[in-house]
Amino acid sequence: TTIVWDKKSGKPVYNAIVWQCRRTAPICDQLKKKGLAEIIQKKTGLVVDAYFSGTKIKWILDNVSGVREKAEKRFELRFE
């Protein structure tokens, strides 16, 4: 399960995305099509799969209004 929250308020910026959620499968498919699966596995020890947190965080950054700006410009977010 993945949560991204605002470090100032302590509140989540979006609902938790549980480990079973497959909404990030298209992101995984894109990574594989770009030939990144092998390097990701070498660096992390994990296969590219929607089960893991990385693509869930990307989904939140890409789909929740204002979240990417908070992460990139003001470093106001934390994740778990």
N, C-alpha and C. Protein backbone atom coordinates (compact mmCIF):
# COMPACT_ATOMS: atom_id res chain seq x y z
N THR A 1 0.85 -1.18 0.00
CA THR A 1 0.00 0.00 0.00
C THR A 1 0.89 1.24 0.00
N THR A 2 0.51 2.22 -0.81
CA THR A 2 1.31 3.43 -0.99
C THR A 2 0.50 4.66 -0.60
N ILE A 3 1.15 5.53 0.17
CA ILE A 3 0.53 6.79 0.58
C ILE A 3 1.53 7.92 0.31
N VAL A 4 1.05 9.01 -0.25
CA VAL A 4 1.84 10.23 -0.40
C VAL A 4 1.15 11.29 0.42
N TRP A 5 1.91 11.96 1.29
CA TRP A 5 1.28 12.97 2.13
C TRP A 5 2.07 14.27 2.13
N ASP A 6 1.37 15.33 2.51
CA ASP A 6 1.93 16.66 2.63
C ASP A 6 2.69 16.72 3.96
N LYS A 7 3.98 17.04 3.90
CA LYS A 7 4.78 17.02 5.13
C LYS A 7 4.41 18.14 6.10
N LYS A 8 3.82 19.23 5.60
CA LYS A 8 3.43 20.32 6.49
C LYS A 8 2.14 20.00 7.25
N SER A 9 1.15 19.51 6.53
CA SER A 9 -0.15 19.24 7.16
C SER A 9 -0.23 17.83 7.75
N GLY A 10 0.60 16.93 7.23
CA GLY A 10 0.52 15.53 7.66
C GLY A 10 -0.64 14.77 7.05
N LYS A 11 -1.35 15.41 6.12
CA LYS A 11 -2.52 14.78 5.50
C LYS A 11 -2.14 14.18 4.15
N PRO A 12 -2.78 13.06 3.80
CA PRO A 12 -2.50 12.46 2.49
C PRO A 12 -3.00 13.38 1.37
N VAL A 13 -2.27 13.37 0.25
CA VAL A 13 -2.69 14.17 -0.90
C VAL A 13 -3.69 13.40 -1.76
N TYR A 14 -3.82 12.11 -1.49
CA TYR A 14 -4.73 11.24 -2.22
C TYR A 14 -4.96 10.00 -1.36
N ASN A 15 -5.99 9.28 -1.66
CA ASN A 15 -6.25 8.04 -0.92
C ASN A 15 -5.10 7.05 -1.10
N ALA A 16 -4.91 6.20 -0.11
CA ALA A 16 -3.90 5.14 -0.23
C ALA A 16 -4.24 4.26 -1.42
N ILE A 17 -3.20 3.83 -2.13
CA ILE A 17 -3.38 2.87 -3.22
C ILE A 17 -2.87 1.53 -2.71
N VAL A 18 -3.76 0.57 -2.61
CA VAL A 18 -3.40 -0.72 -2.03
C VAL A 18 -2.56 -1.54 -2.99
N TRP A 19 -1.83 -2.49 -2.43
CA TRP A 19 -0.88 -3.28 -3.22
C TRP A 19 -1.54 -4.07 -4.34
N GLN A 20 -2.81 -4.43 -4.17
CA GLN A 20 -3.50 -5.23 -5.20
C GLN A 20 -3.96 -4.40 -6.39
N CYS A 21 -3.98 -3.09 -6.27
CA CYS A 21 -4.49 -2.21 -7.33
C CYS A 21 -3.62 -2.33 -8.58
N ARG A 22 -4.27 -2.50 -9.72
CA ARG A 22 -3.56 -2.69 -11.00
C ARG A 22 -3.65 -1.45 -11.90
N ARG A 23 -4.10 -0.31 -11.38
CA ARG A 23 -4.25 0.87 -12.23
C ARG A 23 -2.93 1.34 -12.84
N THR A 24 -1.81 0.94 -12.26
CA THR A 24 -0.52 1.38 -12.79
C THR A 24 0.10 0.37 -13.76
N ALA A 25 -0.64 -0.66 -14.12
CA ALA A 25 -0.12 -1.64 -15.09
C ALA A 25 0.29 -0.98 -16.41
N PRO A 26 -0.46 0.01 -16.93
CA PRO A 26 -0.01 0.66 -18.17
C PRO A 26 1.36 1.36 -18.03
N ILE A 27 1.64 1.90 -16.86
CA ILE A 27 2.95 2.51 -16.62
C ILE A 27 4.03 1.43 -16.69
N CYS A 28 3.76 0.29 -16.09
CA CYS A 28 4.71 -0.83 -16.13
C CYS A 28 4.93 -1.28 -17.57
N ASP A 29 3.86 -1.36 -18.34
CA ASP A 29 3.97 -1.75 -19.75
C ASP A 29 4.84 -0.77 -20.52
N GLN A 30 4.68 0.53 -20.25
CA GLN A 30 5.50 1.54 -20.92
C GLN A 30 6.98 1.37 -20.58
N LEU A 31 7.27 1.11 -19.31
CA LEU A 31 8.66 0.90 -18.90
C LEU A 31 9.26 -0.30 -19.62
N LYS A 32 8.48 -1.37 -19.72
CA LYS A 32 8.95 -2.57 -20.41
C LYS A 32 9.17 -2.30 -21.89
N LYS A 33 8.25 -1.58 -22.53
CA LYS A 33 8.38 -1.26 -23.96
C LYS A 33 9.60 -0.40 -24.24
N LYS A 34 9.97 0.43 -23.27
CA LYS A 34 11.16 1.27 -23.42
C LYS A 34 12.45 0.50 -23.13
N GLY A 35 12.31 -0.78 -22.77
CA GLY A 35 13.48 -1.61 -22.50
C GLY A 35 14.12 -1.36 -21.15
N LEU A 36 13.36 -0.85 -20.20
CA LEU A 36 13.90 -0.49 -18.89
C LEU A 36 13.75 -1.58 -17.83
N ALA A 37 13.05 -2.65 -18.15
CA ALA A 37 12.78 -3.69 -17.14
C ALA A 37 14.06 -4.28 -16.57
N GLU A 38 15.03 -4.56 -17.43
CA GLU A 38 16.26 -5.20 -16.96
C GLU A 38 17.06 -4.28 -16.04
N ILE A 39 17.21 -3.02 -16.41
CA ILE A 39 17.98 -2.11 -15.56
C ILE A 39 17.26 -1.85 -14.23
N ILE A 40 15.94 -1.77 -14.27
CA ILE A 40 15.18 -1.59 -13.03
C ILE A 40 15.39 -2.79 -12.12
N GLN A 41 15.34 -3.98 -12.68
CA GLN A 41 15.55 -5.18 -11.87
C GLN A 41 16.97 -5.24 -11.32
N LYS A 42 17.96 -4.85 -12.12
CA LYS A 42 19.35 -4.85 -11.63
C LYS A 42 19.53 -3.86 -10.48
N LYS A 43 18.90 -2.70 -10.59
CA LYS A 43 19.09 -1.66 -9.57
C LYS A 43 18.27 -1.91 -8.31
N THR A 44 17.09 -2.51 -8.47
CA THR A 44 16.20 -2.66 -7.31
C THR A 44 16.06 -4.09 -6.82
N GLY A 45 16.37 -5.04 -7.69
CA GLY A 45 16.14 -6.44 -7.36
C GLY A 45 14.69 -6.86 -7.57
N LEU A 46 13.88 -5.95 -8.10
CA LEU A 46 12.45 -6.21 -8.29
C LEU A 46 12.10 -6.23 -9.78
N VAL A 47 11.13 -7.04 -10.12
CA VAL A 47 10.62 -7.01 -11.49
C VAL A 47 9.68 -5.81 -11.62
N VAL A 48 9.48 -5.36 -12.85
CA VAL A 48 8.54 -4.26 -13.09
C VAL A 48 7.13 -4.83 -12.98
N ASP A 49 6.40 -4.37 -11.97
CA ASP A 49 5.04 -4.87 -11.74
C ASP A 49 4.26 -3.82 -10.97
N ALA A 50 2.98 -3.71 -11.25
CA ALA A 50 2.11 -2.74 -10.58
C ALA A 50 1.97 -3.01 -9.08
N TYR A 51 2.41 -4.15 -8.63
CA TYR A 51 2.38 -4.51 -7.22
C TYR A 51 3.23 -3.54 -6.38
N PHE A 52 4.30 -3.02 -6.96
CA PHE A 52 5.27 -2.23 -6.20
C PHE A 52 4.92 -0.73 -6.19
N SER A 53 5.51 0.00 -5.25
CA SER A 53 5.15 1.39 -4.97
C SER A 53 5.57 2.41 -6.02
N GLY A 54 6.66 2.18 -6.70
CA GLY A 54 7.20 3.19 -7.62
C GLY A 54 6.19 3.70 -8.63
N THR A 55 5.50 2.77 -9.28
CA THR A 55 4.53 3.20 -10.30
C THR A 55 3.28 3.81 -9.66
N LYS A 56 2.98 3.42 -8.45
CA LYS A 56 1.84 4.02 -7.75
C LYS A 56 2.14 5.49 -7.42
N ILE A 57 3.37 5.77 -7.00
CA ILE A 57 3.77 7.15 -6.73
C ILE A 57 3.73 7.97 -8.02
N LYS A 58 4.24 7.40 -9.11
CA LYS A 58 4.17 8.10 -10.41
C LYS A 58 2.73 8.39 -10.79
N TRP A 59 1.84 7.44 -10.58
CA TRP A 59 0.44 7.64 -10.92
C TRP A 59 -0.13 8.83 -10.14
N ILE A 60 0.16 8.90 -8.85
CA ILE A 60 -0.32 10.01 -8.03
C ILE A 60 0.26 11.33 -8.54
N LEU A 61 1.56 11.36 -8.82
CA LEU A 61 2.18 12.58 -9.34
C LEU A 61 1.56 13.03 -10.65
N ASP A 62 1.21 12.07 -11.50
CA ASP A 62 0.66 12.38 -12.82
C ASP A 62 -0.83 12.70 -12.82
N ASN A 63 -1.56 12.22 -11.83
CA ASN A 63 -3.02 12.29 -11.89
C ASN A 63 -3.72 13.11 -10.82
N VAL A 64 -3.00 13.54 -9.80
CA VAL A 64 -3.63 14.32 -8.74
C VAL A 64 -3.14 15.77 -8.87
N SER A 65 -4.07 16.66 -9.05
CA SER A 65 -3.77 18.07 -9.31
C SER A 65 -2.89 18.69 -8.22
N GLY A 66 -1.81 19.36 -8.65
CA GLY A 66 -0.94 20.09 -7.75
C GLY A 66 0.11 19.26 -7.05
N VAL A 67 0.02 17.96 -7.13
CA VAL A 67 0.94 17.10 -6.38
C VAL A 67 2.36 17.14 -6.96
N ARG A 68 2.48 17.06 -8.27
CA ARG A 68 3.82 17.10 -8.89
C ARG A 68 4.54 18.40 -8.54
N GLU A 69 3.83 19.52 -8.57
CA GLU A 69 4.45 20.80 -8.23
C GLU A 69 4.96 20.79 -6.79
N LYS A 70 4.16 20.27 -5.88
CA LYS A 70 4.60 20.19 -4.48
C LYS A 70 5.85 19.33 -4.35
N ALA A 71 5.93 18.28 -5.13
CA ALA A 71 7.07 17.38 -5.05
C ALA A 71 8.32 18.00 -5.68
N GLU A 72 8.16 18.61 -6.84
CA GLU A 72 9.32 19.09 -7.60
C GLU A 72 9.82 20.46 -7.19
N LYS A 73 8.92 21.37 -6.91
CA LYS A 73 9.33 22.75 -6.66
C LYS A 73 9.49 23.08 -5.19
N ARG A 74 8.70 22.45 -4.38
CA ARG A 74 8.71 22.85 -2.97
C ARG A 74 9.11 21.71 -2.03
N PHE A 75 9.32 20.53 -2.55
CA PHE A 75 9.73 19.38 -1.75
C PHE A 75 8.86 19.19 -0.51
N GLU A 76 7.54 19.32 -0.71
CA GLU A 76 6.60 19.29 0.40
C GLU A 76 5.96 17.93 0.64
N LEU A 77 6.40 16.90 -0.05
CA LEU A 77 5.72 15.61 0.07
C LEU A 77 6.62 14.55 0.66
N ARG A 78 5.98 13.57 1.24
CA ARG A 78 6.64 12.36 1.74
C ARG A 78 5.84 11.18 1.22
N PHE A 79 6.47 10.03 1.16
CA PHE A 79 5.73 8.84 0.74
C PHE A 79 6.15 7.65 1.58
N GLU A 80 5.25 6.69 1.59
CA GLU A 80 5.50 5.45 2.34
C GLU A 80 4.82 4.32 1.64
